Amino acid sequence: MDAFYYVYILVSEVDDEIHYSGITTDLGSRLAEHNRGKCPYTAKHRPWKIETAVAFRSQAKARHFESYLKTGSGREFARRHF
């Protein structure tokens, strides 16, 4: 079976107004990396929890959706729907 590509949205457990979106093929290990401070963009707001994850078979579609979530309209979409 082909791997899934997950686009995820994290929420800080310290401040639920702070979110981060990314892409991975292994949600568990990627969340652990964020919580260990391996990502400079998320290190100061840890610990994190997964708020939303969407699975894609196509890496291109996953990357496109992740890019969209990082735009102003994508952030608003996520705020309203997730």
PDB file of N, CA and C in Angstrom:
ATOM      1  N   MET A   1       0.838  -1.179   0.000  1.00  0.00           N
ATOM      2  CA  MET A   1       0.000   0.000   0.000  1.00  0.00           C
ATOM      3  C   MET A   1       0.887   1.248   0.000  1.00  0.00           C
ATOM      4  N   ASP A   2       0.491   2.250  -0.761  1.00  0.00           N
ATOM      5  CA  ASP A   2       1.234   3.497  -0.798  1.00  0.00           C
ATOM      6  C   ASP A   2       1.080   4.243   0.520  1.00  0.00           C
ATOM      7  N   ALA A   3       2.080   5.035   0.825  1.00  0.00           N
ATOM      8  CA  ALA A   3       2.040   5.826   2.052  1.00  0.00           C
ATOM      9  C   ALA A   3       1.048   6.977   1.902  1.00  0.00           C
ATOM     10  N   PHE A   4       0.517   7.410   3.008  1.00  0.00           N
ATOM     11  CA  PHE A   4      -0.314   8.599   3.023  1.00  0.00           C
ATOM     12  C   PHE A   4       0.559   9.790   3.395  1.00  0.00           C
ATOM     13  N   TYR A   5       0.182  10.935   2.900  1.00  0.00           N
ATOM     14  CA  TYR A   5       0.805  12.192   3.272  1.00  0.00           C
ATOM     15  C   TYR A   5      -0.226  12.930   4.111  1.00  0.00           C
ATOM     16  N   TYR A   6       0.168  13.295   5.312  1.00  0.00           N
ATOM     17  CA  TYR A   6      -0.743  13.943   6.245  1.00  0.00           C
ATOM     18  C   TYR A   6      -0.444  15.431   6.333  1.00  0.00           C
ATOM     19  N   VAL A   7      -1.455  16.225   6.120  1.00  0.00           N
ATOM     20  CA  VAL A   7      -1.372  17.650   6.404  1.00  0.00           C
ATOM     21  C   VAL A   7      -2.022  17.813   7.773  1.00  0.00           C
ATOM     22  N   TYR A   8      -1.276  18.398   8.694  1.00  0.00           N
ATOM     23  CA  TYR A   8      -1.756  18.462  10.068  1.00  0.00           C
ATOM     24  C   TYR A   8      -1.762  19.900  10.570  1.00  0.00           C
ATOM     25  N   ILE A   9      -2.625  20.135  11.529  1.00  0.00           N
ATOM     26  CA  ILE A   9      -2.666  21.413  12.232  1.00  0.00           C
ATOM     27  C   ILE A   9      -2.467  21.106  13.708  1.00  0.00           C
ATOM     28  N   LEU A  10      -1.449  21.727  14.267  1.00  0.00           N
ATOM     29  CA  LEU A  10      -1.171  21.584  15.694  1.00  0.00           C
ATOM     30  C   LEU A  10      -1.722  22.796  16.434  1.00  0.00           C
ATOM     31  N   VAL A  11      -2.070  22.581  17.676  1.00  0.00           N
ATOM     32  CA  VAL A  11      -2.459  23.680  18.556  1.00  0.00           C
ATOM     33  C   VAL A  11      -1.595  23.582  19.809  1.00  0.00           C
ATOM     34  N   SER A  12      -1.113  24.743  20.259  1.00  0.00           N
ATOM     35  CA  SER A  12      -0.300  24.785  21.465  1.00  0.00           C
ATOM     36  C   SER A  12      -1.164  24.490  22.679  1.00  0.00           C
ATOM     37  N   GLU A  13      -0.669  23.648  23.567  1.00  0.00           N
ATOM     38  CA  GLU A  13      -1.402  23.369  24.805  1.00  0.00           C
ATOM     39  C   GLU A  13      -1.278  24.511  25.805  1.00  0.00           C
ATOM     40  N   VAL A  14      -0.322  25.403  25.582  1.00  0.00           N
ATOM     41  CA  VAL A  14      -0.129  26.553  26.462  1.00  0.00           C
ATOM     42  C   VAL A  14      -1.056  27.703  26.065  1.00  0.00           C
ATOM     43  N   ASP A  15      -1.229  27.909  24.763  1.00  0.00           N
ATOM     44  CA  ASP A  15      -2.059  28.995  24.244  1.00  0.00           C
ATOM     45  C   ASP A  15      -2.832  28.472  23.041  1.00  0.00           C
ATOM     46  N   ASP A  16      -4.120  28.230  23.211  1.00  0.00           N
ATOM     47  CA  ASP A  16      -4.905  27.600  22.150  1.00  0.00           C
ATOM     48  C   ASP A  16      -5.171  28.520  20.956  1.00  0.00           C
ATOM     49  N   GLU A  17      -4.643  29.734  20.978  1.00  0.00           N
ATOM     50  CA  GLU A  17      -4.733  30.634  19.825  1.00  0.00           C
ATOM     51  C   GLU A  17      -3.562  30.424  18.862  1.00  0.00           C
ATOM     52  N   ILE A  18      -2.554  29.667  19.275  1.00  0.00           N
ATOM     53  CA  ILE A  18      -1.367  29.467  18.450  1.00  0.00           C
ATOM     54  C   ILE A  18      -1.470  28.126  17.739  1.00  0.00           C
ATOM     55  N   HIS A  19      -1.379  28.178  16.409  1.00  0.00           N
ATOM     56  CA  HIS A  19      -1.491  26.988  15.566  1.00  0.00           C
ATOM     57  C   HIS A  19      -0.284  26.883  14.644  1.00  0.00           C
ATOM     58  N   TYR A  20      -0.034  25.693  14.180  1.00  0.00           N
ATOM     59  CA  TYR A  20       1.042  25.442  13.221  1.00  0.00           C
ATOM     60  C   TYR A  20       0.559  24.367  12.266  1.00  0.00           C
ATOM     61  N   SER A  21       0.803  24.541  10.983  1.00  0.00           N
ATOM     62  CA  SER A  21       0.434  23.505  10.019  1.00  0.00           C
ATOM     63  C   SER A  21       1.682  22.982   9.334  1.00  0.00           C
ATOM     64  N   GLY A  22       1.637  21.694   8.978  1.00  0.00           N
ATOM     65  CA  GLY A  22       2.765  21.054   8.334  1.00  0.00           C
ATOM     66  C   GLY A  22       2.327  19.819   7.582  1.00  0.00           C
ATOM     67  N   ILE A  23       3.311  19.082   7.070  1.00  0.00           N
ATOM     68  CA  ILE A  23       3.052  17.875   6.290  1.00  0.00           C
ATOM     69  C   ILE A  23       4.042  16.802   6.719  1.00  0.00           C
ATOM     70  N   THR A  24       3.587  15.553   6.738  1.00  0.00           N
ATOM     71  CA  THR A  24       4.442  14.434   7.133  1.00  0.00           C
ATOM     72  C   THR A  24       3.849  13.122   6.635  1.00  0.00           C
ATOM     73  N   THR A  25       4.641  12.065   6.703  1.00  0.00           N
ATOM     74  CA  THR A  25       4.130  10.721   6.438  1.00  0.00           C
ATOM     75  C   THR A  25       3.994   9.927   7.734  1.00  0.00           C
ATOM     76  N   ASP A  26       4.467  10.484   8.854  1.00  0.00           N
ATOM     77  CA  ASP A  26       4.402   9.808  10.151  1.00  0.00           C
ATOM     78  C   ASP A  26       3.999  10.811  11.227  1.00  0.00           C
ATOM     79  N   LEU A  27       2.710  10.863  11.518  1.00  0.00           N
ATOM     80  CA  LEU A  27       2.186  11.857  12.456  1.00  0.00           C
ATOM     81  C   LEU A  27       2.777  11.741  13.856  1.00  0.00           C
ATOM     82  N   GLY A  28       2.870  10.520  14.349  1.00  0.00           N
ATOM     83  CA  GLY A  28       3.359  10.319  15.712  1.00  0.00           C
ATOM     84  C   GLY A  28       4.769  10.821  15.917  1.00  0.00           C
ATOM     85  N   SER A  29       5.665  10.456  15.029  1.00  0.00           N
ATOM     86  CA  SER A  29       7.055  10.884  15.207  1.00  0.00           C
ATOM     87  C   SER A  29       7.223  12.375  14.933  1.00  0.00           C
ATOM     88  N   ARG A  30       6.428  12.919  14.018  1.00  0.00           N
ATOM     89  CA  ARG A  30       6.525  14.357  13.740  1.00  0.00           C
ATOM     90  C   ARG A  30       6.028  15.172  14.934  1.00  0.00           C
ATOM     91  N   LEU A  31       4.951  14.735  15.574  1.00  0.00           N
ATOM     92  CA  LEU A  31       4.467  15.417  16.774  1.00  0.00           C
ATOM     93  C   LEU A  31       5.524  15.349  17.875  1.00  0.00           C
ATOM     94  N   ALA A  32       6.147  14.206  18.028  1.00  0.00           N
ATOM     95  CA  ALA A  32       7.202  14.063  19.040  1.00  0.00           C
ATOM     96  C   ALA A  32       8.362  15.019  18.751  1.00  0.00           C
ATOM     97  N   GLU A  33       8.728  15.195  17.485  1.00  0.00           N
ATOM     98  CA  GLU A  33       9.799  16.142  17.129  1.00  0.00           C
ATOM     99  C   GLU A  33       9.414  17.569  17.527  1.00  0.00           C
ATOM    100  N   HIS A  34       8.180  17.949  17.241  1.00  0.00           N
ATOM    101  CA  HIS A  34       7.723  19.289  17.626  1.00  0.00           C
ATOM    102  C   HIS A  34       7.786  19.444  19.143  1.00  0.00           C
ATOM    103  N   ASN A  35       7.376  18.441  19.882  1.00  0.00           N
ATOM    104  CA  ASN A  35       7.347  18.535  21.342  1.00  0.00           C
ATOM    105  C   ASN A  35       8.725  18.439  21.975  1.00  0.00           C
ATOM    106  N   ARG A  36       9.717  17.914  21.249  1.00  0.00           N
ATOM    107  CA  ARG A  36      11.104  17.893  21.740  1.00  0.00           C
ATOM    108  C   ARG A  36      11.843  19.176  21.389  1.00  0.00           C
ATOM    109  N   GLY A  37      11.208  20.063  20.607  1.00  0.00           N
ATOM    110  CA  GLY A  37      11.844  21.323  20.244  1.00  0.00           C
ATOM    111  C   GLY A  37      12.726  21.236  19.024  1.00  0.00           C
ATOM    112  N   LYS A  38      12.556  20.211  18.194  1.00  0.00           N
ATOM    113  CA  LYS A  38      13.391  20.026  17.008  1.00  0.00           C
ATOM    114  C   LYS A  38      13.078  21.027  15.895  1.00  0.00           C
ATOM    115  N   CYS A  39      11.903  21.621  15.924  1.00  0.00           N
ATOM    116  CA  CYS A  39      11.487  22.588  14.905  1.00  0.00           C
ATOM    117  C   CYS A  39      11.569  23.990  15.510  1.00  0.00           C
ATOM    118  N   PRO A  40      12.399  24.873  14.953  1.00  0.00           N
ATOM    119  CA  PRO A  40      12.561  26.199  15.552  1.00  0.00           C
ATOM    120  C   PRO A  40      11.282  27.035  15.565  1.00  0.00           C
ATOM    121  N   TYR A  41      10.379  26.793  14.646  1.00  0.00           N
ATOM    122  CA  TYR A  41       9.132  27.564  14.586  1.00  0.00           C
ATOM    123  C   TYR A  41       8.147  27.183  15.681  1.00  0.00           C
ATOM    124  N   THR A  42       8.272  25.990  16.235  1.00  0.00           N
ATOM    125  CA  THR A  42       7.308  25.537  17.231  1.00  0.00           C
ATOM    126  C   THR A  42       7.909  25.335  18.614  1.00  0.00           C
ATOM    127  N   ALA A  43       9.212  25.460  18.747  1.00  0.00           N
ATOM    128  CA  ALA A  43       9.893  25.129  20.001  1.00  0.00           C
ATOM    129  C   ALA A  43       9.407  25.968  21.187  1.00  0.00           C
ATOM    130  N   LYS A  44       9.146  27.242  20.966  1.00  0.00           N
ATOM    131  CA  LYS A  44       8.812  28.099  22.110  1.00  0.00           C
ATOM    132  C   LYS A  44       7.361  28.004  22.564  1.00  0.00           C
ATOM    133  N   HIS A  45       6.514  27.298  21.829  1.00  0.00           N
ATOM    134  CA  HIS A  45       5.099  27.193  22.203  1.00  0.00           C
ATOM    135  C   HIS A  45       4.687  25.771  22.582  1.00  0.00           C
ATOM    136  N   ARG A  46       5.639  24.919  22.864  1.00  0.00           N
ATOM    137  CA  ARG A  46       5.310  23.529  23.187  1.00  0.00           C
ATOM    138  C   ARG A  46       4.813  23.412  24.619  1.00  0.00           C
ATOM    139  N   PRO A  47       4.103  22.383  24.936  1.00  0.00           N
ATOM    140  CA  PRO A  47       3.790  21.197  24.132  1.00  0.00           C
ATOM    141  C   PRO A  47       2.645  21.457  23.147  1.00  0.00           C
ATOM    142  N   TRP A  48       2.621  20.601  22.133  1.00  0.00           N
ATOM    143  CA  TRP A  48       1.633  20.670  21.061  1.00  0.00           C
ATOM    144  C   TRP A  48       0.753  19.444  21.075  1.00  0.00           C
ATOM    145  N   LYS A  49      -0.440  19.599  20.507  1.00  0.00           N
ATOM    146  CA  LYS A  49      -1.295  18.440  20.254  1.00  0.00           C
ATOM    147  C   LYS A  49      -1.871  18.598  18.852  1.00  0.00           C
ATOM    148  N   ILE A  50      -2.225  17.478  18.258  1.00  0.00           N
ATOM    149  CA  ILE A  50      -2.795  17.508  16.912  1.00  0.00           C
ATOM    150  C   ILE A  50      -4.257  17.923  17.020  1.00  0.00           C
ATOM    151  N   GLU A  51      -4.598  18.969  16.295  1.00  0.00           N
ATOM    152  CA  GLU A  51      -5.986  19.424  16.260  1.00  0.00           C
ATOM    153  C   GLU A  51      -6.713  18.782  15.075  1.00  0.00           C
ATOM    154  N   THR A  52      -6.053  18.732  13.908  1.00  0.00           N
ATOM    155  CA  THR A  52      -6.652  18.203  12.689  1.00  0.00           C
ATOM    156  C   THR A  52      -5.571  17.541  11.860  1.00  0.00           C
ATOM    157  N   ALA A  53      -5.908  16.434  11.207  1.00  0.00           N
ATOM    158  CA  ALA A  53      -5.008  15.801  10.245  1.00  0.00           C
ATOM    159  C   ALA A  53      -5.848  15.304   9.074  1.00  0.00           C
ATOM    160  N   VAL A  54      -5.377  15.596   7.870  1.00  0.00           N
ATOM    161  CA  VAL A  54      -6.057  15.176   6.644  1.00  0.00           C
ATOM    162  C   VAL A  54      -5.078  14.328   5.853  1.00  0.00           C
ATOM    163  N   ALA A  55      -5.511  13.130   5.444  1.00  0.00           N
ATOM    164  CA  ALA A  55      -4.641  12.194   4.720  1.00  0.00           C
ATOM    165  C   ALA A  55      -4.849  12.325   3.220  1.00  0.00           C
ATOM    166  N   PHE A  56      -3.739  12.325   2.491  1.00  0.00           N
ATOM    167  CA  PHE A  56      -3.747  12.373   1.032  1.00  0.00           C
ATOM    168  C   PHE A  56      -2.887  11.240   0.497  1.00  0.00           C
ATOM    169  N   ARG A  57      -3.280  10.640  -0.595  1.00  0.00           N
ATOM    170  CA  ARG A  57      -2.426   9.672  -1.281  1.00  0.00           C
ATOM    171  C   ARG A  57      -1.418  10.378  -2.172  1.00  0.00           C
ATOM    172  N   SER A  58      -1.787  11.537  -2.659  1.00  0.00           N
ATOM    173  CA  SER A  58      -0.936  12.310  -3.560  1.00  0.00           C
ATOM    174  C   SER A  58      -0.103  13.310  -2.764  1.00  0.00           C
ATOM    175  N   GLN A  59       1.213  13.229  -2.916  1.00  0.00           N
ATOM    176  CA  GLN A  59       2.081  14.185  -2.247  1.00  0.00           C
ATOM    177  C   GLN A  59       1.849  15.592  -2.794  1.00  0.00           C
ATOM    178  N   ALA A  60       1.615  15.709  -4.077  1.00  0.00           N
ATOM    179  CA  ALA A  60       1.389  17.022  -4.684  1.00  0.00           C
ATOM    180  C   ALA A  60       0.130  17.683  -4.110  1.00  0.00           C
ATOM    181  N   LYS A  61      -0.946  16.926  -3.971  1.00  0.00           N
ATOM    182  CA  LYS A  61      -2.179  17.483  -3.403  1.00  0.00           C
ATOM    183  C   LYS A  61      -1.984  17.874  -1.946  1.00  0.00           C
ATOM    184  N   ALA A  62      -1.242  17.057  -1.205  1.00  0.00           N
ATOM    185  CA  ALA A  62      -0.974  17.367   0.200  1.00  0.00           C
ATOM    186  C   ALA A  62      -0.165  18.655   0.310  1.00  0.00           C
ATOM    187  N   ARG A  63       0.858  18.801  -0.498  1.00  0.00           N
ATOM    188  CA  ARG A  63       1.681  20.014  -0.466  1.00  0.00           C
ATOM    189  C   ARG A  63       0.867  21.251  -0.855  1.00  0.00           C
ATOM    190  N   HIS A  64      -0.004  21.082  -1.837  1.00  0.00           N
ATOM    191  CA  HIS A  64      -0.853  22.196  -2.260  1.00  0.00           C
ATOM    192  C   HIS A  64      -1.784  22.617  -1.112  1.00  0.00           C
ATOM    193  N   PHE A  65      -2.387  21.645  -0.428  1.00  0.00           N
ATOM    194  CA  PHE A  65      -3.290  21.959   0.682  1.00  0.00           C
ATOM    195  C   PHE A  65      -2.530  22.600   1.837  1.00  0.00           C
ATOM    196  N   GLU A  66      -1.340  22.087   2.133  1.00  0.00           N
ATOM    197  CA  GLU A  66      -0.531  22.686   3.195  1.00  0.00           C
ATOM    198  C   GLU A  66      -0.193  24.134   2.851  1.00  0.00           C
ATOM    199  N   SER A  67       0.192  24.388   1.614  1.00  0.00           N
ATOM    200  CA  SER A  67       0.503  25.760   1.185  1.00  0.00           C
ATOM    201  C   SER A  67      -0.716  26.661   1.333  1.00  0.00           C
ATOM    202  N   TYR A  68      -1.871  26.145   0.969  1.00  0.00           N
ATOM    203  CA  TYR A  68      -3.110  26.909   1.111  1.00  0.00           C
ATOM    204  C   TYR A  68      -3.372  27.260   2.573  1.00  0.00           C
ATOM    205  N   LEU A  69      -3.181  26.294   3.480  1.00  0.00           N
ATOM    206  CA  LEU A  69      -3.435  26.548   4.902  1.00  0.00           C
ATOM    207  C   LEU A  69      -2.527  27.636   5.471  1.00  0.00           C
ATOM    208  N   LYS A  70      -1.394  27.871   4.831  1.00  0.00           N
ATOM    209  CA  LYS A  70      -0.454  28.878   5.320  1.00  0.00           C
ATOM    210  C   LYS A  70      -0.725  30.260   4.738  1.00  0.00           C
ATOM    211  N   THR A  71      -1.762  30.389   3.909  1.00  0.00           N
ATOM    212  CA  THR A  71      -2.168  31.695   3.394  1.00  0.00           C
ATOM    213  C   THR A  71      -3.192  32.303   4.344  1.00  0.00           C
ATOM    214  N   GLY A  72      -3.490  33.560   4.143  1.00  0.00           N
ATOM    215  CA  GLY A  72      -4.496  34.220   4.975  1.00  0.00           C
ATOM    216  C   GLY A  72      -5.857  33.557   4.862  1.00  0.00           C
ATOM    217  N   SER A  73      -6.287  33.271   3.644  1.00  0.00           N
ATOM    218  CA  SER A  73      -7.605  32.639   3.481  1.00  0.00           C
ATOM    219  C   SER A  73      -7.586  31.202   3.991  1.00  0.00           C
ATOM    220  N   GLY A  74      -6.445  30.516   3.882  1.00  0.00           N
ATOM    221  CA  GLY A  74      -6.342  29.160   4.411  1.00  0.00           C
ATOM    222  C   GLY A  74      -6.398  29.123   5.924  1.00  0.00           C
ATOM    223  N   ARG A  75      -5.765  30.092   6.570  1.00  0.00           N
ATOM    224  CA  ARG A  75      -5.839  30.171   8.034  1.00  0.00           C
ATOM    225  C   ARG A  75      -7.267  30.443   8.489  1.00  0.00           C
ATOM    226  N   GLU A  76      -7.960  31.307   7.751  1.00  0.00           N
ATOM    227  CA  GLU A  76      -9.350  31.590   8.091  1.00  0.00           C
ATOM    228  C   GLU A  76     -10.219  30.360   7.861  1.00  0.00           C
ATOM    229  N   PHE A  77      -9.995  29.630   6.762  1.00  0.00           N
ATOM    230  CA  PHE A  77     -10.714  28.401   6.502  1.00  0.00           C
ATOM    231  C   PHE A  77     -10.538  27.410   7.655  1.00  0.00           C
ATOM    232  N   ALA A  78      -9.293  27.231   8.081  1.00  0.00           N
ATOM    233  CA  ALA A  78      -8.996  26.302   9.172  1.00  0.00           C
ATOM    234  C   ALA A  78      -9.652  26.773  10.472  1.00  0.00           C
ATOM    235  N   ARG A  79      -9.602  28.059  10.738  1.00  0.00           N
ATOM    236  CA  ARG A  79     -10.210  28.587  11.960  1.00  0.00           C
ATOM    237  C   ARG A  79     -11.709  28.325  11.985  1.00  0.00           C
ATOM    238  N   ARG A  80     -12.353  28.473  10.843  1.00  0.00           N
ATOM    239  CA  ARG A  80     -13.803  28.299  10.787  1.00  0.00           C
ATOM    240  C   ARG A  80     -14.245  26.833  10.774  1.00  0.00           C
ATOM    241  N   HIS A  81     -13.465  25.987  10.128  1.00  0.00           N
ATOM    242  CA  HIS A  81     -13.915  24.623   9.891  1.00  0.00           C
ATOM    243  C   HIS A  81     -13.232  23.548  10.744  1.00  0.00           C
ATOM    244  N   PHE A  82     -12.086  23.867  11.292  1.00  0.00           N
ATOM    245  CA  PHE A  82     -11.387  22.867  12.107  1.00  0.00           C
ATOM    246  C   PHE A  82     -11.333  23.363  13.529  1.00  0.00           C
TER     247      PHE A  82
END
